[in-house]
């Protein structure tokens, strides 16, 4: 494999990792928002 091919593969992997991180962050944000909504809906009896 040429250095060029290696660099292309690395670039591709880096982009995939960045996309994964972004997706992960979005999901965590969404999870937090959903948890907050659930907390508003759930009434804890005293």
PDB file of N, CA and C in Angstrom:
ATOM      1  N   UNK A   1       0.846  -1.188   0.000  1.00  0.00           N
ATOM      2  CA  UNK A   1       0.000   0.000   0.000  1.00  0.00           C
ATOM      3  C   UNK A   1       0.890   1.250   0.000  1.00  0.00           C
ATOM      4  N   UNK A   2       0.542   2.183  -0.854  1.00  0.00           N
ATOM      5  CA  UNK A   2       1.352   3.402  -0.945  1.00  0.00           C
ATOM      6  C   UNK A   2       1.057   4.331   0.235  1.00  0.00           C
ATOM      7  N   UNK A   3       1.971   5.231   0.537  1.00  0.00           N
ATOM      8  CA  UNK A   3       1.721   6.220   1.598  1.00  0.00           C
ATOM      9  C   UNK A   3       0.460   7.031   1.314  1.00  0.00           C
ATOM     10  N   UNK A   4       0.238   7.274   0.030  1.00  0.00           N
ATOM     11  CA  UNK A   4      -0.974   8.023  -0.337  1.00  0.00           C
ATOM     12  C   UNK A   4      -2.223   7.270   0.122  1.00  0.00           C
ATOM     13  N   UNK A   5      -2.271   5.970  -0.163  1.00  0.00           N
ATOM     14  CA  UNK A   5      -3.415   5.150   0.245  1.00  0.00           C
ATOM     15  C   UNK A   5      -3.562   5.127   1.765  1.00  0.00           C
ATOM     16  N   UNK A   6      -2.442   5.016   2.440  1.00  0.00           N
ATOM     17  CA  UNK A   6      -2.468   5.013   3.904  1.00  0.00           C
ATOM     18  C   UNK A   6      -3.039   6.319   4.442  1.00  0.00           C
ATOM     19  N   UNK A   7      -2.603   7.418   3.838  1.00  0.00           N
ATOM     20  CA  UNK A   7      -3.106   8.722   4.264  1.00  0.00           C
ATOM     21  C   UNK A   7      -4.599   8.864   4.008  1.00  0.00           C
ATOM     22  N   UNK A   8      -5.030   8.357   2.877  1.00  0.00           N
ATOM     23  CA  UNK A   8      -6.459   8.416   2.543  1.00  0.00           C
ATOM     24  C   UNK A   8      -7.276   7.594   3.550  1.00  0.00           C
ATOM     25  N   UNK A   9      -6.773   6.424   3.880  1.00  0.00           N
ATOM     26  CA  UNK A   9      -7.461   5.567   4.857  1.00  0.00           C
ATOM     27  C   UNK A   9      -7.536   6.263   6.215  1.00  0.00           C
ATOM     28  N   UNK A  10      -6.436   6.854   6.606  1.00  0.00           N
ATOM     29  CA  UNK A  10      -6.381   7.546   7.886  1.00  0.00           C
ATOM     30  C   UNK A  10      -7.359   8.721   7.913  1.00  0.00           C
ATOM     31  N   UNK A  11      -7.375   9.457   6.816  1.00  0.00           N
ATOM     32  CA  UNK A  11      -8.291  10.589   6.688  1.00  0.00           C
ATOM     33  C   UNK A  11      -9.742  10.130   6.809  1.00  0.00           C
ATOM     34  N   UNK A  12     -10.048   9.046   6.126  1.00  0.00           N
ATOM     35  CA  UNK A  12     -11.390   8.485   6.156  1.00  0.00           C
ATOM     36  C   UNK A  12     -11.772   8.052   7.571  1.00  0.00           C
ATOM     37  N   UNK A  13     -10.862   7.377   8.246  1.00  0.00           N
ATOM     38  CA  UNK A  13     -11.122   6.948   9.620  1.00  0.00           C
ATOM     39  C   UNK A  13     -11.329   8.138  10.561  1.00  0.00           C
ATOM     40  N   UNK A  14     -10.506   9.149  10.367  1.00  0.00           N
ATOM     41  CA  UNK A  14     -10.611  10.343  11.195  1.00  0.00           C
ATOM     42  C   UNK A  14     -11.981  10.995  11.027  1.00  0.00           C
ATOM     43  N   UNK A  15     -12.435  11.079   9.791  1.00  0.00           N
ATOM     44  CA  UNK A  15     -13.753  11.658   9.524  1.00  0.00           C
ATOM     45  C   UNK A  15     -14.862  10.817  10.153  1.00  0.00           C
ATOM     46  N   UNK A  16     -14.721   9.507  10.065  1.00  0.00           N
ATOM     47  CA  UNK A  16     -15.726   8.618  10.660  1.00  0.00           C
ATOM     48  C   UNK A  16     -15.762   8.787  12.176  1.00  0.00           C
ATOM     49  N   UNK A  17     -14.603   8.911  12.777  1.00  0.00           N
ATOM     50  CA  UNK A  17     -14.525   9.095  14.231  1.00  0.00           C
ATOM     51  C   UNK A  17     -15.175  10.421  14.623  1.00  0.00           C
ATOM     52  N   UNK A  18     -14.883  11.473  13.851  1.00  0.00           N
ATOM     53  CA  UNK A  18     -15.485  12.777  14.145  1.00  0.00           C
ATOM     54  C   UNK A  18     -17.002  12.716  14.031  1.00  0.00           C
ATOM     55  N   UNK A  19     -17.482  12.038  13.005  1.00  0.00           N
ATOM     56  CA  UNK A  19     -18.925  11.893  12.815  1.00  0.00           C
ATOM     57  C   UNK A  19     -19.533  11.091  13.966  1.00  0.00           C
ATOM     58  N   UNK A  20     -18.849  10.042  14.374  1.00  0.00           N
ATOM     59  CA  UNK A  20     -19.298   9.236  15.505  1.00  0.00           C
ATOM     60  C   UNK A  20     -19.397  10.085  16.778  1.00  0.00           C
ATOM     61  N   UNK A  21     -18.367  10.878  17.037  1.00  0.00           N
ATOM     62  CA  UNK A  21     -18.354  11.744  18.221  1.00  0.00           C
ATOM     63  C   UNK A  21     -19.525  12.721  18.196  1.00  0.00           C
ATOM     64  N   UNK A  22     -19.773  13.291  17.032  1.00  0.00           N
ATOM     65  CA  UNK A  22     -20.875  14.246  16.879  1.00  0.00           C
ATOM     66  C   UNK A  22     -22.211  13.560  17.159  1.00  0.00           C
ATOM     67  N   UNK A  23     -22.384  12.375  16.583  1.00  0.00           N
ATOM     68  CA  UNK A  23     -23.612  11.611  16.788  1.00  0.00           C
ATOM     69  C   UNK A  23     -23.786  11.269  18.266  1.00  0.00           C
ATOM     70  N   UNK A  24     -22.694  10.839  18.898  1.00  0.00           N
ATOM     71  CA  UNK A  24     -22.710  10.497  20.315  1.00  0.00           C
ATOM     72  C   UNK A  24     -23.131  11.708  21.154  1.00  0.00           C
ATOM     73  N   UNK A  25     -22.555  12.861  20.856  1.00  0.00           N
ATOM     74  CA  UNK A  25     -22.898  14.076  21.588  1.00  0.00           C
ATOM     75  C   UNK A  25     -24.363  14.453  21.402  1.00  0.00           C
ATOM     76  N   UNK A  26     -24.848  14.324  20.169  1.00  0.00           N
ATOM     77  CA  UNK A  26     -26.255  14.616  19.897  1.00  0.00           C
ATOM     78  C   UNK A  26     -27.172  13.676  20.664  1.00  0.00           C
ATOM     79  N   UNK A  27     -26.824  12.401  20.696  1.00  0.00           N
ATOM     80  CA  UNK A  27     -27.636  11.418  21.408  1.00  0.00           C
ATOM     81  C   UNK A  27     -27.628  11.681  22.915  1.00  0.00           C
ATOM     82  N   UNK A  28     -26.470  12.050  23.447  1.00  0.00           N
ATOM     83  CA  UNK A  28     -26.396  12.344  24.879  1.00  0.00           C
ATOM     84  C   UNK A  28     -27.247  13.562  25.229  1.00  0.00           C
ATOM     85  N   UNK A  29     -27.217  14.556  24.351  1.00  0.00           N
ATOM     86  CA  UNK A  29     -28.023  15.763  24.545  1.00  0.00           C
ATOM     87  C   UNK A  29     -29.506  15.399  24.519  1.00  0.00           C
ATOM     88  N   UNK A  30     -29.879  14.585  23.532  1.00  0.00           N
ATOM     89  CA  UNK A  30     -31.261  14.146  23.390  1.00  0.00           C
ATOM     90  C   UNK A  30     -31.699  13.335  24.611  1.00  0.00           C
ATOM     91  N   UNK A  31     -30.817  12.473  25.079  1.00  0.00           N
ATOM     92  CA  UNK A  31     -31.117  11.657  26.248  1.00  0.00           C
ATOM     93  C   UNK A  31     -31.375  12.536  27.469  1.00  0.00           C
ATOM     94  N   UNK A  32     -30.557  13.557  27.638  1.00  0.00           N
ATOM     95  CA  UNK A  32     -30.715  14.480  28.753  1.00  0.00           C
ATOM     96  C   UNK A  32     -32.053  15.211  28.660  1.00  0.00           C
ATOM     97  N   UNK A  33     -32.386  15.671  27.460  1.00  0.00           N
ATOM     98  CA  UNK A  33     -33.659  16.367  27.262  1.00  0.00           C
ATOM     99  C   UNK A  33     -34.838  15.449  27.562  1.00  0.00           C
ATOM    100  N   UNK A  34     -34.750  14.207  27.090  1.00  0.00           N
ATOM    101  CA  UNK A  34     -35.832  13.251  27.354  1.00  0.00           C
ATOM    102  C   UNK A  34     -35.944  12.940  28.847  1.00  0.00           C
ATOM    103  N   UNK A  35     -34.805  12.801  29.497  1.00  0.00           N
ATOM    104  CA  UNK A  35     -34.811  12.527  30.934  1.00  0.00           C
ATOM    105  C   UNK A  35     -35.463  13.683  31.691  1.00  0.00           C
ATOM    106  N   UNK A  36     -35.163  14.904  31.265  1.00  0.00           N
ATOM    107  CA  UNK A  36     -35.773  16.073  31.893  1.00  0.00           C
ATOM    108  C   UNK A  36     -37.289  16.082  31.712  1.00  0.00           C
ATOM    109  N   UNK A  37     -37.744  15.712  30.508  1.00  0.00           N
ATOM    110  CA  UNK A  37     -39.192  15.648  30.251  1.00  0.00           C
ATOM    111  C   UNK A  37     -39.836  14.580  31.124  1.00  0.00           C
ATOM    112  N   UNK A  38     -39.175  13.435  31.226  1.00  0.00           N
ATOM    113  CA  UNK A  38     -39.692  12.349  32.065  1.00  0.00           C
ATOM    114  C   UNK A  38     -39.784  12.816  33.511  1.00  0.00           C
ATOM    115  N   UNK A  39     -38.751  13.501  33.967  1.00  0.00           N
ATOM    116  CA  UNK A  39     -38.739  13.989  35.341  1.00  0.00           C
ATOM    117  C   UNK A  39     -39.885  14.970  35.601  1.00  0.00           C
ATOM    118  N   UNK A  40     -40.229  15.762  34.596  1.00  0.00           N
ATOM    119  CA  UNK A  40     -41.358  16.690  34.743  1.00  0.00           C
ATOM    120  C   UNK A  40     -42.675  15.935  34.824  1.00  0.00           C
ATOM    121  N   UNK A  41     -42.762  14.822  34.087  1.00  0.00           N
ATOM    122  CA  UNK A  41     -44.001  14.062  34.031  1.00  0.00           C
ATOM    123  C   UNK A  41     -44.222  13.193  35.264  1.00  0.00           C
ATOM    124  N   UNK A  42     -43.134  12.688  35.789  1.00  0.00           N
ATOM    125  CA  UNK A  42     -43.244  11.783  36.928  1.00  0.00           C
ATOM    126  C   UNK A  42     -43.456  12.596  38.207  1.00  0.00           C
ATOM    127  N   UNK A  43     -44.560  12.298  38.848  1.00  0.00           N
ATOM    128  CA  UNK A  43     -44.840  12.981  40.111  1.00  0.00           C
ATOM    129  C   UNK A  43     -44.514  12.010  41.235  1.00  0.00           C
ATOM    130  N   UNK A  44     -43.585  12.417  42.068  1.00  0.00           N
ATOM    131  CA  UNK A  44     -43.181  11.552  43.171  1.00  0.00           C
ATOM    132  C   UNK A  44     -44.168  11.742  44.324  1.00  0.00           C
ATOM    133  N   UNK A  45     -44.842  10.656  44.703  1.00  0.00           N
ATOM    134  CA  UNK A  45     -45.799  10.772  45.810  1.00  0.00           C
ATOM    135  C   UNK A  45     -45.072  10.897  47.154  1.00  0.00           C
ATOM    136  N   UNK A  46     -45.602  11.729  47.987  1.00  0.00           N
ATOM    137  CA  UNK A  46     -44.996  11.894  49.314  1.00  0.00           C
ATOM    138  C   UNK A  46     -45.811  11.160  50.348  1.00  0.00           C
TER     139      UNK A  46
END
